[in-house]
Amino acid sequence: MKIGTVTGVVWATRKAACLSGQTFLVVQTPTGEIVAADQVGAGNGDKVLLVTGTAAARFCMESPVDAAVVAILDQGEK
């Protein structure tokens, strides 16, 4: 899992049928930007929790995604 901050939205008017209705967010992580499927209604500036790889695809009903936003964080500690 990774923590990041939503910095934008990616729009795709043409996409695979299995991604219909899916929102994609640009998320800034400590290692760079990543595009993630939004599963929780996050918005610009929100701190979020990401899952990547197989976990993301499973969370998104086996859709071909490599990252998914699964939580909006209220607070966090290191």
PDB file of N, CA and C in Angstrom:
ATOM      1  N   MET A   1       0.844  -1.177   0.000  1.00  0.00           N
ATOM      2  CA  MET A   1       0.000   0.000   0.000  1.00  0.00           C
ATOM      3  C   MET A   1       0.887   1.237   0.000  1.00  0.00           C
ATOM      4  N   LYS A   2       0.343   2.305  -0.550  1.00  0.00           N
ATOM      5  CA  LYS A   2       1.053   3.571  -0.626  1.00  0.00           C
ATOM      6  C   LYS A   2       0.130   4.700  -0.183  1.00  0.00           C
ATOM      7  N   ILE A   3       0.730   5.773   0.313  1.00  0.00           N
ATOM      8  CA  ILE A   3      -0.016   6.977   0.660  1.00  0.00           C
ATOM      9  C   ILE A   3       0.341   8.044  -0.356  1.00  0.00           C
ATOM     10  N   GLY A   4      -0.665   8.793  -0.805  1.00  0.00           N
ATOM     11  CA  GLY A   4      -0.421   9.861  -1.756  1.00  0.00           C
ATOM     12  C   GLY A   4      -1.451  10.964  -1.619  1.00  0.00           C
ATOM     13  N   THR A   5      -1.291  11.991  -2.457  1.00  0.00           N
ATOM     14  CA  THR A   5      -2.209  13.126  -2.474  1.00  0.00           C
ATOM     15  C   THR A   5      -2.770  13.279  -3.878  1.00  0.00           C
ATOM     16  N   VAL A   6      -4.082  13.406  -3.983  1.00  0.00           N
ATOM     17  CA  VAL A   6      -4.730  13.576  -5.289  1.00  0.00           C
ATOM     18  C   VAL A   6      -4.380  14.958  -5.837  1.00  0.00           C
ATOM     19  N   THR A   7      -3.866  14.981  -7.075  1.00  0.00           N
ATOM     20  CA  THR A   7      -3.474  16.245  -7.700  1.00  0.00           C
ATOM     21  C   THR A   7      -4.266  16.551  -8.966  1.00  0.00           C
ATOM     22  N   GLY A   8      -5.067  15.599  -9.435  1.00  0.00           N
ATOM     23  CA  GLY A   8      -5.828  15.856 -10.650  1.00  0.00           C
ATOM     24  C   GLY A   8      -6.684  14.675 -11.060  1.00  0.00           C
ATOM     25  N   VAL A   9      -7.338  14.844 -12.203  1.00  0.00           N
ATOM     26  CA  VAL A   9      -8.231  13.821 -12.758  1.00  0.00           C
ATOM     27  C   VAL A   9      -7.806  13.546 -14.190  1.00  0.00           C
ATOM     28  N   VAL A  10      -7.927  12.300 -14.620  1.00  0.00           N
ATOM     29  CA  VAL A  10      -7.672  11.919 -16.003  1.00  0.00           C
ATOM     30  C   VAL A  10      -9.011  11.575 -16.633  1.00  0.00           C
ATOM     31  N   TRP A  11      -9.313  12.192 -17.774  1.00  0.00           N
ATOM     32  CA  TRP A  11     -10.570  11.935 -18.480  1.00  0.00           C
ATOM     33  C   TRP A  11     -10.313  11.014 -19.662  1.00  0.00           C
ATOM     34  N   ALA A  12     -11.143  10.010 -19.832  1.00  0.00           N
ATOM     35  CA  ALA A  12     -11.055   9.094 -20.971  1.00  0.00           C
ATOM     36  C   ALA A  12     -12.466   8.838 -21.485  1.00  0.00           C
ATOM     37  N   THR A  13     -12.788   9.403 -22.636  1.00  0.00           N
ATOM     38  CA  THR A  13     -14.129   9.202 -23.181  1.00  0.00           C
ATOM     39  C   THR A  13     -14.263   7.849 -23.866  1.00  0.00           C
ATOM     40  N   ARG A  14     -13.159   7.291 -24.321  1.00  0.00           N
ATOM     41  CA  ARG A  14     -13.163   5.953 -24.922  1.00  0.00           C
ATOM     42  C   ARG A  14     -12.289   5.052 -24.063  1.00  0.00           C
ATOM     43  N   LYS A  15     -12.879   3.987 -23.556  1.00  0.00           N
ATOM     44  CA  LYS A  15     -12.132   3.047 -22.727  1.00  0.00           C
ATOM     45  C   LYS A  15     -12.783   1.676 -22.802  1.00  0.00           C
ATOM     46  N   ALA A  16     -12.092   0.665 -22.305  1.00  0.00           N
ATOM     47  CA  ALA A  16     -12.618  -0.694 -22.297  1.00  0.00           C
ATOM     48  C   ALA A  16     -13.951  -0.727 -21.546  1.00  0.00           C
ATOM     49  N   ALA A  17     -14.845  -1.568 -21.996  1.00  0.00           N
ATOM     50  CA  ALA A  17     -16.183  -1.667 -21.402  1.00  0.00           C
ATOM     51  C   ALA A  17     -16.127  -1.944 -19.898  1.00  0.00           C
ATOM     52  N   CYS A  18     -15.146  -2.720 -19.461  1.00  0.00           N
ATOM     53  CA  CYS A  18     -15.038  -3.056 -18.035  1.00  0.00           C
ATOM     54  C   CYS A  18     -14.644  -1.847 -17.185  1.00  0.00           C
ATOM     55  N   LEU A  19     -14.229  -0.753 -17.821  1.00  0.00           N
ATOM     56  CA  LEU A  19     -13.867   0.465 -17.095  1.00  0.00           C
ATOM     57  C   LEU A  19     -14.945   1.543 -17.196  1.00  0.00           C
ATOM     58  N   SER A  20     -16.069   1.197 -17.777  1.00  0.00           N
ATOM     59  CA  SER A  20     -17.175   2.145 -17.938  1.00  0.00           C
ATOM     60  C   SER A  20     -17.625   2.675 -16.580  1.00  0.00           C
ATOM     61  N   GLY A  21     -17.748   3.989 -16.481  1.00  0.00           N
ATOM     62  CA  GLY A  21     -18.182   4.609 -15.238  1.00  0.00           C
ATOM     63  C   GLY A  21     -17.073   4.805 -14.217  1.00  0.00           C
ATOM     64  N   GLN A  22     -15.863   4.368 -14.529  1.00  0.00           N
ATOM     65  CA  GLN A  22     -14.738   4.463 -13.607  1.00  0.00           C
ATOM     66  C   GLN A  22     -14.083   5.838 -13.688  1.00  0.00           C
ATOM     67  N   THR A  23     -13.731   6.416 -12.534  1.00  0.00           N
ATOM     68  CA  THR A  23     -13.015   7.681 -12.471  1.00  0.00           C
ATOM     69  C   THR A  23     -11.545   7.393 -12.212  1.00  0.00           C
ATOM     70  N   PHE A  24     -10.668   8.132 -12.900  1.00  0.00           N
ATOM     71  CA  PHE A  24      -9.229   7.968 -12.723  1.00  0.00           C
ATOM     72  C   PHE A  24      -8.625   9.240 -12.152  1.00  0.00           C
ATOM     73  N   LEU A  25      -7.822   9.084 -11.107  1.00  0.00           N
ATOM     74  CA  LEU A  25      -7.204  10.213 -10.434  1.00  0.00           C
ATOM     75  C   LEU A  25      -5.690  10.190 -10.619  1.00  0.00           C
ATOM     76  N   VAL A  26      -5.090  11.368 -10.677  1.00  0.00           N
ATOM     77  CA  VAL A  26      -3.631  11.486 -10.637  1.00  0.00           C
ATOM     78  C   VAL A  26      -3.265  11.654  -9.164  1.00  0.00           C
ATOM     79  N   VAL A  27      -2.397  10.784  -8.677  1.00  0.00           N
ATOM     80  CA  VAL A  27      -2.007  10.799  -7.267  1.00  0.00           C
ATOM     81  C   VAL A  27      -0.496  10.968  -7.173  1.00  0.00           C
ATOM     82  N   GLN A  28      -0.072  11.965  -6.401  1.00  0.00           N
ATOM     83  CA  GLN A  28       1.352  12.195  -6.162  1.00  0.00           C
ATOM     84  C   GLN A  28       1.789  11.364  -4.961  1.00  0.00           C
ATOM     85  N   THR A  29       2.770  10.493  -5.175  1.00  0.00           N
ATOM     86  CA  THR A  29       3.338   9.686  -4.095  1.00  0.00           C
ATOM     87  C   THR A  29       4.789  10.123  -3.897  1.00  0.00           C
ATOM     88  N   PRO A  30       5.438   9.671  -2.844  1.00  0.00           N
ATOM     89  CA  PRO A  30       6.842  10.041  -2.640  1.00  0.00           C
ATOM     90  C   PRO A  30       7.754   9.614  -3.795  1.00  0.00           C
ATOM     91  N   THR A  31       7.339   8.614  -4.569  1.00  0.00           N
ATOM     92  CA  THR A  31       8.171   8.123  -5.676  1.00  0.00           C
ATOM     93  C   THR A  31       7.741   8.653  -7.039  1.00  0.00           C
ATOM     94  N   GLY A  32       6.729   9.500  -7.094  1.00  0.00           N
ATOM     95  CA  GLY A  32       6.274  10.064  -8.365  1.00  0.00           C
ATOM     96  C   GLY A  32       4.763  10.039  -8.504  1.00  0.00           C
ATOM     97  N   GLU A  33       4.296  10.392  -9.703  1.00  0.00           N
ATOM     98  CA  GLU A  33       2.848  10.402  -9.965  1.00  0.00           C
ATOM     99  C   GLU A  33       2.377   9.044 -10.453  1.00  0.00           C
ATOM    100  N   ILE A  34       1.138   8.727 -10.101  1.00  0.00           N
ATOM    101  CA  ILE A  34       0.518   7.483 -10.536  1.00  0.00           C
ATOM    102  C   ILE A  34      -0.945   7.772 -10.856  1.00  0.00           C
ATOM    103  N   VAL A  35      -1.481   7.088 -11.846  1.00  0.00           N
ATOM    104  CA  VAL A  35      -2.907   7.188 -12.157  1.00  0.00           C
ATOM    105  C   VAL A  35      -3.592   6.002 -11.499  1.00  0.00           C
ATOM    106  N   ALA A  36      -4.651   6.279 -10.750  1.00  0.00           N
ATOM    107  CA  ALA A  36      -5.320   5.225  -9.983  1.00  0.00           C
ATOM    108  C   ALA A  36      -6.830   5.294 -10.179  1.00  0.00           C
ATOM    109  N   ALA A  37      -7.468   4.138 -10.215  1.00  0.00           N
ATOM    110  CA  ALA A  37      -8.925   4.056 -10.277  1.00  0.00           C
ATOM    111  C   ALA A  37      -9.480   4.444  -8.909  1.00  0.00           C
ATOM    112  N   ASP A  38     -10.423   5.378  -8.900  1.00  0.00           N
ATOM    113  CA  ASP A  38     -10.991   5.879  -7.643  1.00  0.00           C
ATOM    114  C   ASP A  38     -12.165   5.006  -7.224  1.00  0.00           C
ATOM    115  N   GLN A  39     -12.067   4.420  -6.039  1.00  0.00           N
ATOM    116  CA  GLN A  39     -13.129   3.556  -5.527  1.00  0.00           C
ATOM    117  C   GLN A  39     -13.900   4.175  -4.375  1.00  0.00           C
ATOM    118  N   VAL A  40     -13.500   5.401  -3.939  1.00  0.00           N
ATOM    119  CA  VAL A  40     -14.099   5.970  -2.732  1.00  0.00           C
ATOM    120  C   VAL A  40     -14.570   7.412  -2.881  1.00  0.00           C
ATOM    121  N   GLY A  41     -14.488   7.994  -4.069  1.00  0.00           N
ATOM    122  CA  GLY A  41     -14.957   9.360  -4.260  1.00  0.00           C
ATOM    123  C   GLY A  41     -13.988  10.422  -3.775  1.00  0.00           C
ATOM    124  N   ALA A  42     -12.695  10.169  -3.901  1.00  0.00           N
ATOM    125  CA  ALA A  42     -11.681  11.137  -3.464  1.00  0.00           C
ATOM    126  C   ALA A  42     -11.679  12.345  -4.389  1.00  0.00           C
ATOM    127  N   GLY A  43     -11.168  13.463  -3.877  1.00  0.00           N
ATOM    128  CA  GLY A  43     -11.104  14.691  -4.657  1.00  0.00           C
ATOM    129  C   GLY A  43      -9.745  15.345  -4.559  1.00  0.00           C
ATOM    130  N   ASN A  44      -9.581  16.401  -5.323  1.00  0.00           N
ATOM    131  CA  ASN A  44      -8.318  17.130  -5.370  1.00  0.00           C
ATOM    132  C   ASN A  44      -7.869  17.541  -3.965  1.00  0.00           C
ATOM    133  N   GLY A  45      -6.611  17.255  -3.632  1.00  0.00           N
ATOM    134  CA  GLY A  45      -6.049  17.611  -2.341  1.00  0.00           C
ATOM    135  C   GLY A  45      -6.221  16.567  -1.260  1.00  0.00           C
ATOM    136  N   ASP A  46      -7.067  15.560  -1.487  1.00  0.00           N
ATOM    137  CA  ASP A  46      -7.267  14.510  -0.482  1.00  0.00           C
ATOM    138  C   ASP A  46      -6.021  13.644  -0.339  1.00  0.00           C
ATOM    139  N   LYS A  47      -5.678  13.294   0.913  1.00  0.00           N
ATOM    140  CA  LYS A  47      -4.650  12.291   1.167  1.00  0.00           C
ATOM    141  C   LYS A  47      -5.339  10.938   1.080  1.00  0.00           C
ATOM    142  N   VAL A  48      -4.755  10.016   0.289  1.00  0.00           N
ATOM    143  CA  VAL A  48      -5.422   8.750   0.022  1.00  0.00           C
ATOM    144  C   VAL A  48      -4.485   7.566   0.232  1.00  0.00           C
ATOM    145  N   LEU A  49      -5.098   6.404   0.376  1.00  0.00           N
ATOM    146  CA  LEU A  49      -4.386   5.139   0.473  1.00  0.00           C
ATOM    147  C   LEU A  49      -4.582   4.401  -0.847  1.00  0.00           C
ATOM    148  N   LEU A  50      -3.467   3.951  -1.433  1.00  0.00           N
ATOM    149  CA  LEU A  50      -3.503   3.244  -2.713  1.00  0.00           C
ATOM    150  C   LEU A  50      -3.121   1.782  -2.532  1.00  0.00           C
ATOM    151  N   VAL A  51      -3.721   0.919  -3.320  1.00  0.00           N
ATOM    152  CA  VAL A  51      -3.227  -0.442  -3.476  1.00  0.00           C
ATOM    153  C   VAL A  51      -2.796  -0.571  -4.923  1.00  0.00           C
ATOM    154  N   THR A  52      -1.796  -1.397  -5.176  1.00  0.00           N
ATOM    155  CA  THR A  52      -1.279  -1.551  -6.526  1.00  0.00           C
ATOM    156  C   THR A  52      -1.186  -3.020  -6.904  1.00  0.00           C
ATOM    157  N   GLY A  53      -0.981  -3.254  -8.181  1.00  0.00           N
ATOM    158  CA  GLY A  53      -0.793  -4.611  -8.687  1.00  0.00           C
ATOM    159  C   GLY A  53      -2.054  -5.451  -8.632  1.00  0.00           C
ATOM    160  N   THR A  54      -1.869  -6.717  -8.324  1.00  0.00           N
ATOM    161  CA  THR A  54      -2.975  -7.675  -8.302  1.00  0.00           C
ATOM    162  C   THR A  54      -4.076  -7.266  -7.331  1.00  0.00           C
ATOM    163  N   ALA A  55      -3.702  -6.696  -6.189  1.00  0.00           N
ATOM    164  CA  ALA A  55      -4.706  -6.267  -5.202  1.00  0.00           C
ATOM    165  C   ALA A  55      -5.622  -5.207  -5.792  1.00  0.00           C
ATOM    166  N   ALA A  56      -5.079  -4.296  -6.592  1.00  0.00           N
ATOM    167  CA  ALA A  56      -5.896  -3.254  -7.213  1.00  0.00           C
ATOM    168  C   ALA A  56      -6.875  -3.857  -8.210  1.00  0.00           C
ATOM    169  N   ALA A  57      -6.414  -4.779  -9.035  1.00  0.00           N
ATOM    170  CA  ALA A  57      -7.283  -5.418 -10.017  1.00  0.00           C
ATOM    171  C   ALA A  57      -8.406  -6.194  -9.337  1.00  0.00           C
ATOM    172  N   ARG A  58      -8.096  -6.887  -8.271  1.00  0.00           N
ATOM    173  CA  ARG A  58      -9.120  -7.641  -7.540  1.00  0.00           C
ATOM    174  C   ARG A  58     -10.133  -6.707  -6.890  1.00  0.00           C
ATOM    175  N   PHE A  59      -9.659  -5.605  -6.327  1.00  0.00           N
ATOM    176  CA  PHE A  59     -10.545  -4.643  -5.679  1.00  0.00           C
ATOM    177  C   PHE A  59     -11.488  -4.006  -6.694  1.00  0.00           C
ATOM    178  N   CYS A  60     -11.039  -3.883  -7.947  1.00  0.00           N
ATOM    179  CA  CYS A  60     -11.830  -3.253  -9.010  1.00  0.00           C
ATOM    180  C   CYS A  60     -12.563  -4.287  -9.854  1.00  0.00           C
ATOM    181  N   MET A  61     -12.993  -5.370  -9.243  1.00  0.00           N
ATOM    182  CA  MET A  61     -13.774  -6.407  -9.920  1.00  0.00           C
ATOM    183  C   MET A  61     -13.020  -7.011 -11.109  1.00  0.00           C
ATOM    184  N   GLU A  62     -11.735  -7.275 -10.901  1.00  0.00           N
ATOM    185  CA  GLU A  62     -10.882  -7.897 -11.921  1.00  0.00           C
ATOM    186  C   GLU A  62     -10.704  -7.037 -13.175  1.00  0.00           C
ATOM    187  N   SER A  63     -10.877  -5.727 -13.052  1.00  0.00           N
ATOM    188  CA  SER A  63     -10.628  -4.816 -14.166  1.00  0.00           C
ATOM    189  C   SER A  63      -9.120  -4.665 -14.364  1.00  0.00           C
ATOM    190  N   PRO A  64      -8.696  -4.295 -15.569  1.00  0.00           N
ATOM    191  CA  PRO A  64      -7.261  -4.172 -15.841  1.00  0.00           C
ATOM    192  C   PRO A  64      -6.678  -2.863 -15.308  1.00  0.00           C
ATOM    193  N   VAL A  65      -6.631  -2.721 -14.002  1.00  0.00           N
ATOM    194  CA  VAL A  65      -6.036  -1.526 -13.386  1.00  0.00           C
ATOM    195  C   VAL A  65      -4.819  -1.948 -12.565  1.00  0.00           C
ATOM    196  N   ASP A  66      -3.853  -1.050 -12.457  1.00  0.00           N
ATOM    197  CA  ASP A  66      -2.633  -1.345 -11.711  1.00  0.00           C
ATOM    198  C   ASP A  66      -2.586  -0.608 -10.383  1.00  0.00           C
ATOM    199  N   ALA A  67      -3.510   0.351 -10.177  1.00  0.00           N
ATOM    200  CA  ALA A  67      -3.557   1.092  -8.915  1.00  0.00           C
ATOM    201  C   ALA A  67      -4.994   1.498  -8.631  1.00  0.00           C
ATOM    202  N   ALA A  68      -5.372   1.470  -7.362  1.00  0.00           N
ATOM    203  CA  ALA A  68      -6.720   1.861  -6.958  1.00  0.00           C
ATOM    204  C   ALA A  68      -6.674   2.639  -5.647  1.00  0.00           C
ATOM    205  N   VAL A  69      -7.459   3.715  -5.583  1.00  0.00           N
ATOM    206  CA  VAL A  69      -7.628   4.475  -4.346  1.00  0.00           C
ATOM    207  C   VAL A  69      -8.691   3.748  -3.530  1.00  0.00           C
ATOM    208  N   VAL A  70      -8.316   3.303  -2.315  1.00  0.00           N
ATOM    209  CA  VAL A  70      -9.248   2.514  -1.502  1.00  0.00           C
ATOM    210  C   VAL A  70      -9.656   3.186  -0.208  1.00  0.00           C
ATOM    211  N   ALA A  71      -9.045   4.345   0.120  1.00  0.00           N
ATOM    212  CA  ALA A  71      -9.417   5.055   1.342  1.00  0.00           C
ATOM    213  C   ALA A  71      -8.991   6.505   1.244  1.00  0.00           C
ATOM    214  N   ILE A  72      -9.775   7.379   1.880  1.00  0.00           N
ATOM    215  CA  ILE A  72      -9.408   8.777   2.074  1.00  0.00           C
ATOM    216  C   ILE A  72      -8.950   8.873   3.515  1.00  0.00           C
ATOM    217  N   LEU A  73      -7.730   9.351   3.720  1.00  0.00           N
ATOM    218  CA  LEU A  73      -7.154   9.375   5.057  1.00  0.00           C
ATOM    219  C   LEU A  73      -7.558  10.629   5.820  1.00  0.00           C
ATOM    220  N   ASP A  74      -7.976  10.445   7.065  1.00  0.00           N
ATOM    221  CA  ASP A  74      -8.316  11.563   7.938  1.00  0.00           C
ATOM    222  C   ASP A  74      -7.062  12.114   8.585  1.00  0.00           C
ATOM    223  N   GLN A  75      -6.155  11.225   8.991  1.00  0.00           N
ATOM    224  CA  GLN A  75      -4.875  11.633   9.565  1.00  0.00           C
ATOM    225  C   GLN A  75      -3.923  10.470   9.472  1.00  0.00           C
ATOM    226  N   GLY A  76      -2.660  10.745   9.660  1.00  0.00           N
ATOM    227  CA  GLY A  76      -1.662   9.686   9.613  1.00  0.00           C
ATOM    228  C   GLY A  76      -0.443  10.073  10.411  1.00  0.00           C
ATOM    229  N   GLU A  77       0.288   9.077  10.871  1.00  0.00           N
ATOM    230  CA  GLU A  77       1.502   9.309  11.648  1.00  0.00           C
ATOM    231  C   GLU A  77       2.615   8.460  11.061  1.00  0.00           C
ATOM    232  N   LYS A  78       3.838   8.914  11.196  1.00  0.00           N
ATOM    233  CA  LYS A  78       4.986   8.128  10.752  1.00  0.00           C
ATOM    234  C   LYS A  78       5.638   7.477  11.923  1.00  0.00           C
TER     235      LYS A  78
END
